[in-house]
Each structure stands twice: as structure tokens, then as C-alpha cells.
N, C-alpha and C. Protein backbone atom coordinates (compact mmCIF):
# COMPACT_ATOMS: atom_id res chain seq x y z
N UNK A 1 -14.33 0.18 -7.73
CA UNK A 1 -13.49 0.06 -8.91
C UNK A 1 -12.64 1.31 -9.05
N UNK A 2 -11.37 1.13 -9.35
CA UNK A 2 -10.44 2.25 -9.45
C UNK A 2 -10.68 3.06 -10.73
N UNK A 3 -10.53 4.35 -10.60
CA UNK A 3 -10.63 5.23 -11.76
C UNK A 3 -9.40 5.03 -12.64
N UNK A 4 -9.55 5.18 -13.97
CA UNK A 4 -8.38 5.08 -14.85
C UNK A 4 -7.34 6.12 -14.43
N UNK A 5 -6.10 5.71 -14.42
CA UNK A 5 -5.02 6.61 -14.04
C UNK A 5 -4.74 6.65 -12.55
N UNK A 6 -5.56 5.95 -11.76
CA UNK A 6 -5.33 5.92 -10.31
C UNK A 6 -4.28 4.87 -9.99
N UNK A 7 -3.38 5.23 -9.11
CA UNK A 7 -2.34 4.31 -8.63
C UNK A 7 -2.66 4.00 -7.17
N UNK A 8 -2.67 2.73 -6.84
CA UNK A 8 -2.91 2.29 -5.46
C UNK A 8 -1.62 1.74 -4.87
N UNK A 9 -1.28 2.20 -3.69
CA UNK A 9 -0.17 1.65 -2.91
C UNK A 9 -0.82 1.02 -1.68
N UNK A 10 -0.69 -0.29 -1.57
CA UNK A 10 -1.41 -1.04 -0.53
C UNK A 10 -0.41 -1.81 0.32
N UNK A 11 -0.56 -1.67 1.62
CA UNK A 11 0.29 -2.40 2.57
C UNK A 11 -0.46 -3.64 3.04
N UNK A 12 0.18 -4.80 2.89
CA UNK A 12 -0.32 -6.03 3.49
C UNK A 12 0.42 -6.18 4.81
N UNK A 13 -0.32 -6.25 5.90
CA UNK A 13 0.28 -6.29 7.23
C UNK A 13 -0.46 -7.29 8.11
N UNK A 14 0.10 -7.55 9.26
CA UNK A 14 -0.58 -8.34 10.28
C UNK A 14 -0.62 -7.49 11.55
N UNK A 15 -1.78 -7.42 12.16
CA UNK A 15 -1.96 -6.55 13.32
C UNK A 15 -1.03 -6.91 14.48
N UNK A 16 -0.57 -8.14 14.55
CA UNK A 16 0.32 -8.58 15.62
C UNK A 16 1.80 -8.35 15.30
N UNK A 17 2.11 -7.91 14.09
CA UNK A 17 3.50 -7.80 13.61
C UNK A 17 4.17 -6.53 14.13
N UNK A 18 5.25 -6.68 14.86
CA UNK A 18 5.98 -5.55 15.41
C UNK A 18 6.55 -4.63 14.33
N UNK A 19 7.08 -5.22 13.25
CA UNK A 19 7.61 -4.40 12.15
C UNK A 19 6.48 -3.57 11.52
N UNK A 20 5.31 -4.17 11.40
CA UNK A 20 4.17 -3.47 10.82
C UNK A 20 3.72 -2.33 11.73
N UNK A 21 3.70 -2.57 13.01
CA UNK A 21 3.30 -1.54 13.97
C UNK A 21 4.27 -0.37 13.93
N UNK A 22 5.57 -0.65 13.77
CA UNK A 22 6.57 0.42 13.68
C UNK A 22 6.46 1.17 12.35
N UNK A 23 6.10 0.46 11.29
CA UNK A 23 6.01 1.06 9.96
C UNK A 23 4.73 1.86 9.76
N UNK A 24 3.68 1.56 10.49
CA UNK A 24 2.36 2.19 10.30
C UNK A 24 2.40 3.71 10.32
N UNK A 25 3.06 4.36 11.30
CA UNK A 25 3.06 5.82 11.28
C UNK A 25 3.82 6.40 10.09
N UNK A 26 4.83 5.71 9.63
CA UNK A 26 5.59 6.17 8.46
C UNK A 26 4.71 6.05 7.21
N UNK A 27 4.06 4.92 7.05
CA UNK A 27 3.17 4.70 5.90
C UNK A 27 2.04 5.73 5.89
N UNK A 28 1.47 6.00 7.04
CA UNK A 28 0.38 6.97 7.13
C UNK A 28 0.87 8.38 6.79
N UNK A 29 2.06 8.75 7.25
CA UNK A 29 2.61 10.08 6.94
C UNK A 29 2.90 10.23 5.45
N UNK A 30 3.46 9.19 4.86
CA UNK A 30 3.72 9.21 3.42
C UNK A 30 2.40 9.32 2.66
N UNK A 31 1.41 8.57 3.08
CA UNK A 31 0.10 8.61 2.43
C UNK A 31 -0.50 10.01 2.48
N UNK A 32 -0.43 10.64 3.63
CA UNK A 32 -0.97 12.01 3.75
C UNK A 32 -0.23 12.98 2.83
N UNK A 33 1.09 12.91 2.84
CA UNK A 33 1.89 13.83 2.02
C UNK A 33 1.69 13.61 0.54
N UNK A 34 1.69 12.37 0.11
CA UNK A 34 1.57 12.08 -1.31
C UNK A 34 0.17 12.41 -1.82
N UNK A 35 -0.86 11.99 -1.11
CA UNK A 35 -2.22 12.24 -1.60
C UNK A 35 -2.55 13.73 -1.61
N UNK A 36 -1.92 14.52 -0.75
CA UNK A 36 -2.12 15.97 -0.77
C UNK A 36 -1.53 16.59 -2.03
N UNK A 37 -0.50 15.97 -2.57
CA UNK A 37 0.18 16.52 -3.74
C UNK A 37 -0.22 15.84 -5.05
N UNK A 38 -0.57 14.57 -4.96
CA UNK A 38 -0.88 13.78 -6.16
C UNK A 38 -2.20 13.05 -5.91
N UNK A 39 -3.33 13.68 -6.24
CA UNK A 39 -4.63 13.08 -5.94
C UNK A 39 -4.89 11.74 -6.63
N UNK A 40 -4.17 11.44 -7.69
CA UNK A 40 -4.40 10.17 -8.39
C UNK A 40 -3.72 8.99 -7.70
N UNK A 41 -2.97 9.23 -6.63
CA UNK A 41 -2.35 8.15 -5.87
C UNK A 41 -3.16 7.93 -4.61
N UNK A 42 -3.56 6.69 -4.40
CA UNK A 42 -4.36 6.31 -3.23
C UNK A 42 -3.58 5.29 -2.41
N UNK A 43 -3.86 5.25 -1.13
CA UNK A 43 -3.19 4.32 -0.21
C UNK A 43 -4.23 3.49 0.52
N UNK A 44 -3.85 2.27 0.84
CA UNK A 44 -4.74 1.40 1.57
C UNK A 44 -3.96 0.31 2.28
N UNK A 45 -4.68 -0.51 3.01
CA UNK A 45 -4.04 -1.60 3.73
C UNK A 45 -4.98 -2.78 3.86
N UNK A 46 -4.38 -3.93 4.07
CA UNK A 46 -5.15 -5.15 4.29
C UNK A 46 -4.50 -5.92 5.44
N UNK A 47 -5.30 -6.22 6.45
CA UNK A 47 -4.80 -6.95 7.61
C UNK A 47 -4.86 -8.45 7.28
N UNK A 48 -3.70 -9.01 7.08
CA UNK A 48 -3.62 -10.42 6.67
C UNK A 48 -3.99 -11.37 7.81
N UNK A 49 -4.02 -10.88 9.04
CA UNK A 49 -4.49 -11.70 10.16
C UNK A 49 -5.99 -11.93 10.06
N UNK A 50 -6.68 -11.02 9.38
CA UNK A 50 -8.13 -11.14 9.20
C UNK A 50 -8.45 -11.70 7.81
N UNK A 51 -7.81 -11.15 6.79
CA UNK A 51 -8.09 -11.53 5.40
C UNK A 51 -7.00 -12.46 4.87
N UNK A 52 -6.82 -13.56 5.56
CA UNK A 52 -5.75 -14.51 5.27
C UNK A 52 -5.81 -15.03 3.85
N UNK A 53 -6.98 -15.44 3.39
CA UNK A 53 -7.10 -16.00 2.04
C UNK A 53 -6.72 -14.98 0.97
N UNK A 54 -7.12 -13.74 1.15
CA UNK A 54 -6.77 -12.70 0.18
C UNK A 54 -5.26 -12.51 0.13
N UNK A 55 -4.61 -12.51 1.28
CA UNK A 55 -3.16 -12.31 1.32
C UNK A 55 -2.42 -13.50 0.72
N UNK A 56 -2.93 -14.69 0.95
CA UNK A 56 -2.34 -15.88 0.32
C UNK A 56 -2.47 -15.76 -1.19
N UNK A 57 -3.63 -15.33 -1.65
CA UNK A 57 -3.86 -15.14 -3.08
C UNK A 57 -2.94 -14.10 -3.69
N UNK A 58 -2.55 -13.10 -2.91
CA UNK A 58 -1.63 -12.07 -3.38
C UNK A 58 -0.17 -12.50 -3.30
N UNK A 59 0.08 -13.64 -2.65
CA UNK A 59 1.45 -14.14 -2.54
C UNK A 59 2.24 -13.50 -1.41
N UNK A 60 1.54 -12.96 -0.42
CA UNK A 60 2.23 -12.34 0.72
C UNK A 60 2.90 -13.43 1.53
N UNK A 61 4.22 -13.27 1.74
CA UNK A 61 4.93 -14.26 2.54
C UNK A 61 5.75 -13.62 3.66
N UNK A 62 5.53 -12.34 3.90
CA UNK A 62 6.20 -11.63 4.99
C UNK A 62 5.51 -10.30 5.20
N UNK A 63 5.73 -9.75 6.38
CA UNK A 63 5.05 -8.49 6.73
C UNK A 63 6.06 -7.44 7.15
N UNK A 64 5.81 -6.19 6.83
CA UNK A 64 4.81 -5.71 5.89
C UNK A 64 5.25 -5.94 4.45
N UNK A 65 4.29 -6.02 3.56
CA UNK A 65 4.54 -6.12 2.12
C UNK A 65 3.78 -5.00 1.44
N UNK A 66 4.44 -4.32 0.51
CA UNK A 66 3.79 -3.23 -0.23
C UNK A 66 3.52 -3.66 -1.66
N UNK A 67 2.36 -3.28 -2.14
CA UNK A 67 1.96 -3.51 -3.53
C UNK A 67 1.68 -2.17 -4.19
N UNK A 68 2.02 -2.06 -5.46
CA UNK A 68 1.67 -0.88 -6.25
C UNK A 68 0.87 -1.39 -7.43
N UNK A 69 -0.37 -0.92 -7.52
CA UNK A 69 -1.26 -1.34 -8.60
C UNK A 69 -1.68 -0.13 -9.42
N UNK A 70 -1.74 -0.32 -10.72
CA UNK A 70 -2.24 0.70 -11.61
C UNK A 70 -1.17 1.53 -12.27
N UNK A 71 0.07 1.35 -11.88
CA UNK A 71 1.16 2.12 -12.48
C UNK A 71 1.75 1.34 -13.64
N UNK A 72 1.66 1.91 -14.82
CA UNK A 72 2.28 1.26 -15.97
C UNK A 72 3.73 1.67 -16.11
N UNK A 73 3.99 2.94 -15.91
CA UNK A 73 5.36 3.44 -15.96
C UNK A 73 5.55 4.41 -14.81
N UNK A 74 6.76 4.61 -14.42
CA UNK A 74 7.09 5.55 -13.37
C UNK A 74 8.05 6.57 -13.95
N UNK A 75 7.59 7.81 -14.08
CA UNK A 75 8.39 8.87 -14.65
C UNK A 75 9.19 9.52 -13.52
N UNK A 76 10.43 9.10 -13.34
CA UNK A 76 11.24 9.60 -12.25
C UNK A 76 11.79 10.99 -12.52
N UNK A 77 11.76 11.44 -13.78
CA UNK A 77 12.27 12.79 -14.10
C UNK A 77 11.34 13.88 -13.58
N UNK A 78 10.06 13.59 -13.43
CA UNK A 78 9.10 14.61 -13.00
C UNK A 78 8.79 14.51 -11.52
N UNK A 79 9.38 13.56 -10.84
CA UNK A 79 9.09 13.36 -9.41
C UNK A 79 9.73 14.42 -8.54
């Protein structure tokens, strides 16, 4: 269960997807940089080739797809 105030950025991908494979190092680099600076932001991923039902439930219709959960507002002035 997520802690209050935690923001999750989750990538829905398919292991066979070329776009996902190209995006993976970028997503991982962003995750490392952001979590080092903002501990309340977490990153994760779900392989839709394995967890098909979960991805259908999330409405994933293309890969990669990014979700942001837990953010009520985004303060762009302090970013």
C-alpha cells in the first residue's frame, strides 16, 4: 500500500515491444534521477505480456503507456 503523499509513475509495457525496449533505458534514467531528488516519487512497471488482465483493466491499448497515480495537483512553479 502506498504511503500518503507518494506519487507512482508506472510504465505499462510489453517485453516484445520495440518502442518499449528503446524507452526502457530512458525511463530507468529518469527514475534514478527523480527518486534521488524527490523520495516521495516512485517508479514501477508492469509487463502486459504477462499481466494481460491487469493491463486490460487499466485500459492499456498501446505500448508503452505511462500512468501517474497519487498526484492530486502538480505544482510546476516549484519544479
